[in-house]
C-alpha atoms as a PDB file:
ATOM      1  CA  MET A   1     -21.204  -2.023  67.675  1.00  0.00           C
ATOM      2  CA  SER A   2     -20.919   0.853  65.639  1.00  0.00           C
ATOM      3  CA  GLN A   3     -20.588   0.479  61.347  1.00  0.00           C
ATOM      4  CA  GLY A   4     -17.007   1.210  61.952  1.00  0.00           C
ATOM      5  CA  SER A   5     -15.825  -0.794  64.609  1.00  0.00           C
ATOM      6  CA  GLN A   6     -17.489  -3.713  62.857  1.00  0.00           C
ATOM      7  CA  LEU A   7     -15.455  -2.917  59.747  1.00  0.00           C
ATOM      8  CA  ILE A   8     -12.549  -3.196  62.107  1.00  0.00           C
ATOM      9  CA  GLN A   9     -12.895  -5.973  63.797  1.00  0.00           C
ATOM     10  CA  ASP A  10     -14.085  -7.831  60.247  1.00  0.00           C
ATOM     11  CA  ASN A  11     -11.644  -6.643  58.440  1.00  0.00           C
ATOM     12  CA  PHE A  12      -8.321  -5.455  59.922  1.00  0.00           C
ATOM     13  CA  ARG A  13      -5.913  -7.617  62.634  1.00  0.00           C
ATOM     14  CA  ASP A  14      -6.855  -5.094  65.243  1.00  0.00           C
ATOM     15  CA  ASN A  15      -3.637  -7.283  67.506  1.00  0.00           C
ATOM     16  CA  ARG A  16      -1.249  -4.883  64.655  1.00  0.00           C
ATOM     17  CA  LEU A  17      -3.184  -1.471  65.710  1.00  0.00           C
ATOM     18  CA  PRO A  18      -2.357   0.806  66.070  1.00  0.00           C
ATOM     19  CA  HIS A  19      -0.910   1.779  62.653  1.00  0.00           C
ATOM     20  CA  ILE A  20       2.968   3.315  62.713  1.00  0.00           C
ATOM     21  CA  TRP A  21       2.155   6.186  59.661  1.00  0.00           C
ATOM     22  CA  CYS A  22       3.019   9.194  60.781  1.00  0.00           C
ATOM     23  CA  PRO A  23       0.305  11.413  61.956  1.00  0.00           C
ATOM     24  CA  GLY A  24      -1.755  13.319  59.293  1.00  0.00           C
ATOM     25  CA  CYS A  25      -0.318  10.242  56.677  1.00  0.00           C
ATOM     26  CA  GLY A  26      -3.569   9.668  54.509  1.00  0.00           C
ATOM     27  CA  HIS A  27      -2.599   6.037  54.222  1.00  0.00           C
ATOM     28  CA  GLY A  28      -5.035   4.922  57.131  1.00  0.00           C
ATOM     29  CA  ILE A  29      -7.454   6.739  55.383  1.00  0.00           C
ATOM     30  CA  ILE A  30      -6.831   4.763  51.619  1.00  0.00           C
ATOM     31  CA  THR A  31      -6.480   1.449  53.824  1.00  0.00           C
ATOM     32  CA  ARG A  32     -10.284   1.780  55.202  1.00  0.00           C
ATOM     33  CA  ALA A  33     -11.180   3.033  51.852  1.00  0.00           C
ATOM     34  CA  ILE A  34     -10.143  -0.515  50.380  1.00  0.00           C
ATOM     35  CA  ALA A  35     -11.425  -2.404  53.201  1.00  0.00           C
ATOM     36  CA  GLN A  36     -14.952  -0.491  52.968  1.00  0.00           C
ATOM     37  CA  ALA A  37     -14.795  -1.134  48.962  1.00  0.00           C
ATOM     38  CA  ILE A  38     -13.984  -5.355  50.084  1.00  0.00           C
ATOM     39  CA  ASP A  39     -16.463  -5.243  52.545  1.00  0.00           C
ATOM     40  CA  ASN A  40     -18.836  -3.577  50.146  1.00  0.00           C
ATOM     41  CA  SER A  41     -18.497  -6.159  47.417  1.00  0.00           C
ATOM     42  CA  ASN A  42     -19.328  -8.983  49.767  1.00  0.00           C
ATOM     43  CA  LEU A  43     -16.297 -10.876  48.685  1.00  0.00           C
ATOM     44  CA  ASP A  44     -15.437 -14.120  50.455  1.00  0.00           C
ATOM     45  CA  LYS A  45     -12.505 -13.222  52.934  1.00  0.00           C
ATOM     46  CA  ASP A  46     -10.741 -16.726  52.015  1.00  0.00           C
ATOM     47  CA  LYS A  47     -10.806 -15.629  48.291  1.00  0.00           C
ATOM     48  CA  VAL A  48      -9.312 -12.456  48.459  1.00  0.00           C
ATOM     49  CA  CYS A  49      -5.475 -12.026  48.207  1.00  0.00           C
ATOM     50  CA  ILE A  50      -3.616  -8.609  48.977  1.00  0.00           C
ATOM     51  CA  VAL A  51      -0.169  -8.258  47.943  1.00  0.00           C
ATOM     52  CA  SER A  52       2.086  -5.404  48.354  1.00  0.00           C
ATOM     53  CA  GLY A  53       6.038  -4.375  47.975  1.00  0.00           C
ATOM     54  CA  ILE A  54       8.074  -2.183  50.084  1.00  0.00           C
ATOM     55  CA  GLY A  55       7.136   1.725  51.345  1.00  0.00           C
ATOM     56  CA  CYS A  56       5.005   3.198  53.753  1.00  0.00           C
ATOM     57  CA  SER A  57       1.639   2.251  51.813  1.00  0.00           C
ATOM     58  CA  SER A  58       3.053  -1.600  51.569  1.00  0.00           C
ATOM     59  CA  ARG A  59       2.314  -1.538  55.176  1.00  0.00           C
ATOM     60  CA  ALA A  60      -1.092  -1.981  55.260  1.00  0.00           C
ATOM     61  CA  THR A  61      -0.963  -5.536  53.912  1.00  0.00           C
ATOM     62  CA  GLY A  62       0.421  -6.394  57.229  1.00  0.00           C
ATOM     63  CA  TYR A  63      -2.994  -4.902  58.974  1.00  0.00           C
ATOM     64  CA  LEU A  64      -5.521  -6.173  56.583  1.00  0.00           C
ATOM     65  CA  ASP A  65      -7.012  -9.503  57.612  1.00  0.00           C
ATOM     66  CA  PHE A  66      -7.052 -10.778  54.519  1.00  0.00           C
ATOM     67  CA  ASN A  67      -4.457 -13.706  52.615  1.00  0.00           C
ATOM     68  CA  THR A  68      -1.797 -11.040  52.277  1.00  0.00           C
ATOM     69  CA  LEU A  69       1.819 -11.298  50.981  1.00  0.00           C
ATOM     70  CA  HIS A  70       4.538  -8.731  51.845  1.00  0.00           C
ATOM     71  CA  THR A  71       6.673  -8.950  49.174  1.00  0.00           C
ATOM     72  CA  THR A  72      10.132  -7.016  47.787  1.00  0.00           C
ATOM     73  CA  HIS A  73      10.558  -3.621  46.607  1.00  0.00           C
ATOM     74  CA  GLY A  74       8.837  -2.959  43.436  1.00  0.00           C
ATOM     75  CA  ARG A  75       7.831  -6.796  42.628  1.00  0.00           C
ATOM     76  CA  ALA A  76       4.218  -7.097  44.093  1.00  0.00           C
ATOM     77  CA  LEU A  77       2.867  -6.888  40.598  1.00  0.00           C
ATOM     78  CA  ALA A  78       5.241  -9.947  39.769  1.00  0.00           C
ATOM     79  CA  PHE A  79       4.299 -11.811  43.144  1.00  0.00           C
ATOM     80  CA  ALA A  80       0.280 -10.948  42.124  1.00  0.00           C
ATOM     81  CA  THR A  81       0.922 -12.194  38.631  1.00  0.00           C
ATOM     82  CA  GLY A  82       2.211 -15.626  40.048  1.00  0.00           C
ATOM     83  CA  ILE A  83      -0.886 -15.961  42.516  1.00  0.00           C
ATOM     84  CA  LYS A  84      -3.424 -15.307  39.679  1.00  0.00           C
ATOM     85  CA  LEU A  85      -2.006 -17.652  37.656  1.00  0.00           C
ATOM     86  CA  ALA A  86      -1.849 -20.212  39.979  1.00  0.00           C
ATOM     87  CA  ARG A  87      -4.664 -19.133  41.704  1.00  0.00           C
ATOM     88  CA  PRO A  88      -7.098 -17.727  39.231  1.00  0.00           C
ATOM     89  CA  GLU A  89     -10.305 -18.077  41.479  1.00  0.00           C
ATOM     90  CA  LEU A  90      -8.629 -15.436  43.786  1.00  0.00           C
ATOM     91  CA  LYS A  91      -9.662 -11.532  44.073  1.00  0.00           C
ATOM     92  CA  VAL A  92      -5.607 -10.443  43.937  1.00  0.00           C
ATOM     93  CA  ILE A  93      -5.798  -6.987  45.097  1.00  0.00           C
ATOM     94  CA  VAL A  94      -1.589  -5.044  44.786  1.00  0.00           C
ATOM     95  CA  ILE A  95      -1.088  -2.030  47.267  1.00  0.00           C
ATOM     96  CA  THR A  96       1.742  -0.093  46.288  1.00  0.00           C
ATOM     97  CA  GLY A  97       3.350   3.183  46.244  1.00  0.00           C
ATOM     98  CA  ASP A  98       4.612   5.557  43.662  1.00  0.00           C
ATOM     99  CA  GLY A  99       7.980   4.514  44.150  1.00  0.00           C
ATOM    100  CA  ASP A 100       7.689   1.121  44.431  1.00  0.00           C
ATOM    101  CA  ALA A 101       5.101   1.048  41.595  1.00  0.00           C
ATOM    102  CA  THR A 102       6.548   3.267  38.796  1.00  0.00           C
ATOM    103  CA  ALA A 103      10.076   3.713  39.789  1.00  0.00           C
ATOM    104  CA  ILE A 104      11.990  -0.060  40.701  1.00  0.00           C
ATOM    105  CA  GLY A 105       8.584  -1.599  39.904  1.00  0.00           C
ATOM    106  CA  GLY A 106       7.911   0.437  36.422  1.00  0.00           C
ATOM    107  CA  ASN A 107       8.306  -2.330  34.354  1.00  0.00           C
ATOM    108  CA  HIS A 108       5.863  -4.956  36.119  1.00  0.00           C
ATOM    109  CA  LEU A 109       3.288  -1.961  36.279  1.00  0.00           C
ATOM    110  CA  ILE A 110       3.189  -1.850  32.521  1.00  0.00           C
ATOM    111  CA  HIS A 111       3.362  -5.051  31.409  1.00  0.00           C
ATOM    112  CA  SER A 112       0.782  -6.277  34.123  1.00  0.00           C
ATOM    113  CA  ALA A 113      -1.308  -3.274  32.564  1.00  0.00           C
ATOM    114  CA  ARG A 114      -0.565  -4.703  28.890  1.00  0.00           C
ATOM    115  CA  ARG A 115      -1.341  -7.903  29.456  1.00  0.00           C
ATOM    116  CA  ASN A 116      -4.773  -7.176  31.289  1.00  0.00           C
ATOM    117  CA  ILE A 117      -4.178  -9.683  33.886  1.00  0.00           C
ATOM    118  CA  ASP A 118      -7.237  -9.507  36.537  1.00  0.00           C
ATOM    119  CA  ILE A 119      -5.319  -7.825  39.439  1.00  0.00           C
ATOM    120  CA  THR A 120      -6.876  -4.366  41.151  1.00  0.00           C
ATOM    121  CA  THR A 121      -3.722  -2.370  42.023  1.00  0.00           C
ATOM    122  CA  ILE A 122      -4.196   0.542  44.465  1.00  0.00           C
ATOM    123  CA  LEU A 123      -1.709   3.091  43.883  1.00  0.00           C
ATOM    124  CA  PHE A 124      -0.960   5.406  47.050  1.00  0.00           C
ATOM    125  CA  ASN A 125       0.495   8.153  46.041  1.00  0.00           C
ATOM    126  CA  ASN A 126       2.498  10.651  48.152  1.00  0.00           C
ATOM    127  CA  LYS A 127       4.619  11.866  45.438  1.00  0.00           C
ATOM    128  CA  ILE A 128       7.810  11.024  47.573  1.00  0.00           C
ATOM    129  CA  TYR A 129       9.826   8.091  48.999  1.00  0.00           C
ATOM    130  CA  GLY A 130       8.266   8.426  52.707  1.00  0.00           C
ATOM    131  CA  MET A 131       9.679   5.453  54.641  1.00  0.00           C
ATOM    132  CA  THR A 132      13.157   5.317  53.069  1.00  0.00           C
ATOM    133  CA  GLY A 133      13.968   8.996  54.102  1.00  0.00           C
ATOM    134  CA  GLY A 134      12.021  10.945  51.881  1.00  0.00           C
ATOM    135  CA  GLN A 135      13.969  11.066  48.224  1.00  0.00           C
ATOM    136  CA  SER A 136      12.329  12.162  45.678  1.00  0.00           C
ATOM    137  CA  SER A 137      10.113   9.513  43.404  1.00  0.00           C
ATOM    138  CA  PRO A 138       8.881   9.839  39.748  1.00  0.00           C
ATOM    139  CA  ALA A 139       5.880  11.220  41.060  1.00  0.00           C
ATOM    140  CA  THR A 140       7.438  14.367  42.995  1.00  0.00           C
ATOM    141  CA  PRO A 141       6.369  17.424  41.079  1.00  0.00           C
ATOM    142  CA  TYR A 142       8.713  19.290  38.669  1.00  0.00           C
ATOM    143  CA  HIS A 143      10.954  21.512  41.056  1.00  0.00           C
ATOM    144  CA  GLU A 144       9.868  20.343  44.025  1.00  0.00           C
ATOM    145  CA  LYS A 145      12.387  19.124  46.592  1.00  0.00           C
ATOM    146  CA  GLY A 146      12.871  16.149  48.321  1.00  0.00           C
ATOM    147  CA  THR A 147      16.272  14.649  50.089  1.00  0.00           C
ATOM    148  CA  THR A 148      18.209  13.520  46.956  1.00  0.00           C
ATOM    149  CA  SER A 149      16.671  16.571  45.180  1.00  0.00           C
ATOM    150  CA  PRO A 150      17.319  19.751  47.894  1.00  0.00           C
ATOM    151  CA  TYR A 151      17.159  22.237  44.939  1.00  0.00           C
ATOM    152  CA  GLY A 152      13.816  20.967  43.267  1.00  0.00           C
ATOM    153  CA  THR A 153      13.971  17.885  40.990  1.00  0.00           C
ATOM    154  CA  ILE A 154      14.396  18.465  37.393  1.00  0.00           C
ATOM    155  CA  ASP A 155      13.009  15.109  36.637  1.00  0.00           C
ATOM    156  CA  PRO A 156       9.571  15.717  34.842  1.00  0.00           C
ATOM    157  CA  ASP A 157       6.816  13.487  37.260  1.00  0.00           C
ATOM    158  CA  PHE A 158       5.029  11.001  35.354  1.00  0.00           C
ATOM    159  CA  ASP A 159       0.907  11.259  35.217  1.00  0.00           C
ATOM    160  CA  ILE A 160       0.298   7.885  36.835  1.00  0.00           C
ATOM    161  CA  CYS A 161      -3.172   7.344  34.939  1.00  0.00           C
ATOM    162  CA  LYS A 162      -2.012   8.241  31.610  1.00  0.00           C
ATOM    163  CA  LEU A 163       0.908   5.788  31.942  1.00  0.00           C
ATOM    164  CA  ALA A 164      -1.370   2.845  33.197  1.00  0.00           C
ATOM    165  CA  ILE A 165      -4.038   3.641  30.135  1.00  0.00           C
ATOM    166  CA  GLY A 166      -1.042   4.266  27.639  1.00  0.00           C
ATOM    167  CA  ALA A 167       0.332   0.738  28.603  1.00  0.00           C
ATOM    168  CA  GLY A 168      -2.817  -1.067  28.453  1.00  0.00           C
ATOM    169  CA  ALA A 169      -4.884  -1.030  31.581  1.00  0.00           C
ATOM    170  CA  THR A 170      -8.912  -1.502  31.146  1.00  0.00           C
ATOM    171  CA  TYR A 171      -9.905   0.327  34.704  1.00  0.00           C
ATOM    172  CA  VAL A 172      -8.306   3.326  35.314  1.00  0.00           C
ATOM    173  CA  ALA A 173      -9.529   6.012  38.152  1.00  0.00           C
ATOM    174  CA  ARG A 174      -7.512   8.891  40.541  1.00  0.00           C
ATOM    175  CA  SER A 175      -9.335   9.944  44.048  1.00  0.00           C
ATOM    176  CA  THR A 176      -7.612  11.598  46.959  1.00  0.00           C
ATOM    177  CA  ALA A 177      -7.584  10.761  50.815  1.00  0.00           C
ATOM    178  CA  TYR A 178     -10.027  13.825  51.562  1.00  0.00           C
ATOM    179  CA  HIS A 179     -12.581  12.474  48.610  1.00  0.00           C
ATOM    180  CA  VAL A 180     -13.072   9.056  50.582  1.00  0.00           C
ATOM    181  CA  PRO A 181     -16.745   8.305  48.928  1.00  0.00           C
ATOM    182  CA  GLN A 182     -15.558   8.480  45.388  1.00  0.00           C
ATOM    183  CA  LEU A 183     -12.301   6.446  46.354  1.00  0.00           C
ATOM    184  CA  ILE A 184     -14.374   3.541  47.631  1.00  0.00           C
ATOM    185  CA  LYS A 185     -16.617   4.083  44.494  1.00  0.00           C
ATOM    186  CA  HIS A 186     -13.690   3.579  42.520  1.00  0.00           C
ATOM    187  CA  ILE A 187     -11.722   0.780  44.024  1.00  0.00           C
ATOM    188  CA  GLN A 188     -15.287  -1.218  44.075  1.00  0.00           C
ATOM    189  CA  LYS A 189     -15.497  -1.156  40.449  1.00  0.00           C
ATOM    190  CA  ALA A 190     -11.751  -1.768  39.747  1.00  0.00           C
ATOM    191  CA  ILE A 191     -12.887  -4.793  42.030  1.00  0.00           C
ATOM    192  CA  ALA A 192     -15.743  -5.976  39.615  1.00  0.00           C
ATOM    193  CA  HIS A 193     -13.369  -4.954  36.417  1.00  0.00           C
ATOM    194  CA  LYS A 194     -12.387  -8.252  35.118  1.00  0.00           C
ATOM    195  CA  GLY A 195      -8.958  -7.070  33.666  1.00  0.00           C
ATOM    196  CA  PHE A 196      -5.914  -5.070  35.004  1.00  0.00           C
ATOM    197  CA  SER A 197      -7.828  -1.766  37.158  1.00  0.00           C
ATOM    198  CA  LEU A 198      -5.437   0.776  38.617  1.00  0.00           C
ATOM    199  CA  VAL A 199      -7.083   3.408  41.171  1.00  0.00           C
ATOM    200  CA  GLU A 200      -4.344   6.170  41.855  1.00  0.00           C
ATOM    201  CA  ALA A 201      -5.297   7.452  45.599  1.00  0.00           C
ATOM    202  CA  ILE A 202      -3.217  10.664  46.094  1.00  0.00           C
ATOM    203  CA  SER A 203      -2.263  10.584  49.653  1.00  0.00           C
ATOM    204  CA  GLY A 204      -0.697  13.603  52.169  1.00  0.00           C
ATOM    205  CA  CYS A 205       2.463  13.075  53.648  1.00  0.00           C
ATOM    206  CA  PRO A 206       2.977  15.980  56.124  1.00  0.00           C
ATOM    207  CA  THR A 207       6.476  14.634  57.518  1.00  0.00           C
ATOM    208  CA  TYR A 208       8.242  14.842  54.051  1.00  0.00           C
ATOM    209  CA  TYR A 209       6.927  16.153  51.306  1.00  0.00           C
ATOM    210  CA  GLY A 210       4.748  18.759  53.260  1.00  0.00           C
ATOM    211  CA  ARG A 211       7.426  20.173  55.232  1.00  0.00           C
ATOM    212  CA  LYS A 212      10.299  19.962  52.584  1.00  0.00           C
ATOM    213  CA  ASN A 213       7.920  21.899  50.174  1.00  0.00           C
ATOM    214  CA  LYS A 214       6.123  24.081  52.105  1.00  0.00           C
ATOM    215  CA  LYS A 215       3.178  22.483  51.762  1.00  0.00           C
ATOM    216  CA  GLY A 216       1.504  23.044  55.685  1.00  0.00           C
ATOM    217  CA  ASP A 217       0.403  20.336  57.681  1.00  0.00           C
ATOM    218  CA  ALA A 218      -1.593  17.382  57.199  1.00  0.00           C
ATOM    219  CA  VAL A 219      -5.127  19.634  57.497  1.00  0.00           C
ATOM    220  CA  ASP A 220      -3.298  22.423  54.779  1.00  0.00           C
ATOM    221  CA  LEU A 221      -2.651  19.056  52.227  1.00  0.00           C
ATOM    222  CA  MET A 222      -6.450  18.115  52.572  1.00  0.00           C
ATOM    223  CA  ASN A 223      -7.690  21.422  52.354  1.00  0.00           C
ATOM    224  CA  PHE A 224      -5.514  21.999  49.063  1.00  0.00           C
ATOM    225  CA  TYR A 225      -7.004  18.572  47.663  1.00  0.00           C
ATOM    226  CA  LYS A 226     -10.552  19.611  48.534  1.00  0.00           C
ATOM    227  CA  ASP A 227      -9.668  23.189  46.562  1.00  0.00           C
ATOM    228  CA  TYR A 228      -7.606  21.602  43.545  1.00  0.00           C
ATOM    229  CA  ALA A 229      -9.079  18.796  42.614  1.00  0.00           C
ATOM    230  CA  LEU A 230     -11.354  18.912  39.575  1.00  0.00           C
ATOM    231  CA  ASP A 231     -13.880  16.249  38.525  1.00  0.00           C
ATOM    232  CA  VAL A 232     -12.526  14.838  34.783  1.00  0.00           C
ATOM    233  CA  ARG A 233     -16.171  15.314  33.984  1.00  0.00           C
ATOM    234  CA  MET A 234     -16.643  18.831  34.846  1.00  0.00           C
ATOM    235  CA  ALA A 235     -13.331  19.719  33.208  1.00  0.00           C
ATOM    236  CA  GLU A 236     -14.423  20.366  29.767  1.00  0.00           C
ATOM    237  CA  LYS A 237     -17.250  22.541  31.018  1.00  0.00           C
ATOM    238  CA  VAL A 238     -14.926  24.942  33.586  1.00  0.00           C
ATOM    239  CA  ASP A 239     -13.592  27.877  31.952  1.00  0.00           C
ATOM    240  CA  PRO A 240      -9.523  27.424  31.250  1.00  0.00           C
ATOM    241  CA  GLU A 241      -8.180  30.392  34.191  1.00  0.00           C
ATOM    242  CA  LYS A 242     -10.281  28.005  36.466  1.00  0.00           C
ATOM    243  CA  ARG A 243      -8.588  25.073  35.968  1.00  0.00           C
ATOM    244  CA  GLU A 244      -5.034  26.746  35.926  1.00  0.00           C
ATOM    245  CA  GLY A 245      -3.669  24.934  38.534  1.00  0.00           C
ATOM    246  CA  LYS A 246      -6.456  22.434  39.131  1.00  0.00           C
ATOM    247  CA  PHE A 247      -5.525  18.164  38.914  1.00  0.00           C
ATOM    248  CA  LEU A 248      -8.267  15.895  37.666  1.00  0.00           C
ATOM    249  CA  ILE A 249      -9.855  13.325  39.931  1.00  0.00           C
ATOM    250  CA  GLY A 250     -12.590  10.593  38.700  1.00  0.00           C
ATOM    251  CA  GLU A 251     -12.956   7.556  36.234  1.00  0.00           C
ATOM    252  CA  PHE A 252     -10.205   7.606  32.910  1.00  0.00           C
ATOM    253  CA  ALA A 253     -10.806   4.219  31.405  1.00  0.00           C
ATOM    254  CA  ASN A 254     -13.252   2.054  31.606  1.00  0.00           C
ATOM    255  CA  GLU A 255     -13.391  -0.883  28.978  1.00  0.00           C
ATOM    256  CA  GLU A 256     -13.160  -4.934  28.173  1.00  0.00           C
ATOM    257  CA  ARG A 257     -10.556  -6.716  26.776  1.00  0.00           C
ATOM    258  CA  ALA A 258      -9.682 -10.143  26.617  1.00  0.00           C
ATOM    259  CA  GLU A 259      -7.881 -10.865  30.359  1.00  0.00           C
ATOM    260  CA  TYR A 260      -4.512 -13.102  30.470  1.00  0.00           C
ATOM    261  CA  VAL A 261      -5.701 -15.749  32.284  1.00  0.00           C
ATOM    262  CA  ASP A 262      -8.391 -17.013  30.506  1.00  0.00           C
ATOM    263  CA  GLU A 263      -6.658 -16.458  27.175  1.00  0.00           C
ATOM    264  CA  TYR A 264      -3.774 -18.308  28.874  1.00  0.00           C
ATOM    265  CA  MET A 265      -6.191 -21.080  30.347  1.00  0.00           C
ATOM    266  CA  LYS A 266      -7.308 -21.426  26.396  1.00  0.00           C
ATOM    267  CA  ILE A 267      -4.146 -22.313  25.449  1.00  0.00           C
ATOM    268  CA  VAL A 268      -3.887 -24.863  27.988  1.00  0.00           C
ATOM    269  CA  ASP A 269      -7.118 -26.422  27.503  1.00  0.00           C
ATOM    270  CA  ARG A 270      -6.416 -26.527  23.722  1.00  0.00           C
ATOM    271  CA  LEU A 271      -3.169 -28.235  24.382  1.00  0.00           C
ATOM    272  CA  LYS A 272      -5.254 -30.913  26.366  1.00  0.00           C
ATOM    273  CA  GLN A 273      -7.017 -31.624  23.730  1.00  0.00           C
ATOM    274  CA  GLU A 274      -4.931 -32.278  21.276  1.00  0.00           C
ATOM    275  CA  GLY A 275      -3.308 -34.372  23.512  1.00  0.00           C
ATOM    276  CA  SER A 276      -5.983 -36.325  24.322  1.00  0.00           C
ATOM    277  CA  GLN A 277      -6.833 -36.858  20.540  1.00  0.00           C
ATOM    278  CA  ASP A 278      -3.664 -38.004  19.896  1.00  0.00           C
ATOM    279  CA  GLU A 279      -3.449 -40.770  21.838  1.00  0.00           C
END
């Protein structure tokens, strides 16, 4: 059996395959990268819980053979917070999309980051609402089109990594469906990190985003990621004119800070101790 076949057998519900994503969608690549990162991390499958909300990316929980929870729109991080507080020993991973996490779920994202709760969030960013009809999302670039912005959106788009860092996330990275080895590495580091971690994974959507914005087909989108992604470590070494039109990938934050569940349990232990002293 090949290494790829073994990965699928060990980590996917193969009776749910093939997946429903459109031909050329990057979500399958990113989902495999998540499975590979978990596999590389030698985690006990029974101690992994993967949570998703609603959207194209959130269908991934149906294919992955772990403890999984497919929840309501925008609320994956709220459900994940409850799981982590109830079962701190679990490795809790959230799969979400740019609309799911930064629009209806935006408040949950910033407060999960602020609390620094030990949840790994993989945000599939295809820059549009794919599953519900191609509406613009908070990640749709300025002046680009969706079904709700047929003449181009006038809302500035979020820099999701800066948003996460500003809210308090202690591990933040970005990669693409083209840069798979780097993506796997970032997800592994996010899984190993103690605290709130977010990996933004840029994913091509040829069906809605690519077609509406004349970006070409799936291969054209992949070539764009190859040609216009610039590693943050190289950014300062590149001439400004060569940075024009590029977007940054790589690791943006990696720091240690008190983790939420640990701090919560300290209060619980202190109250138990005080209660026993009063008896």
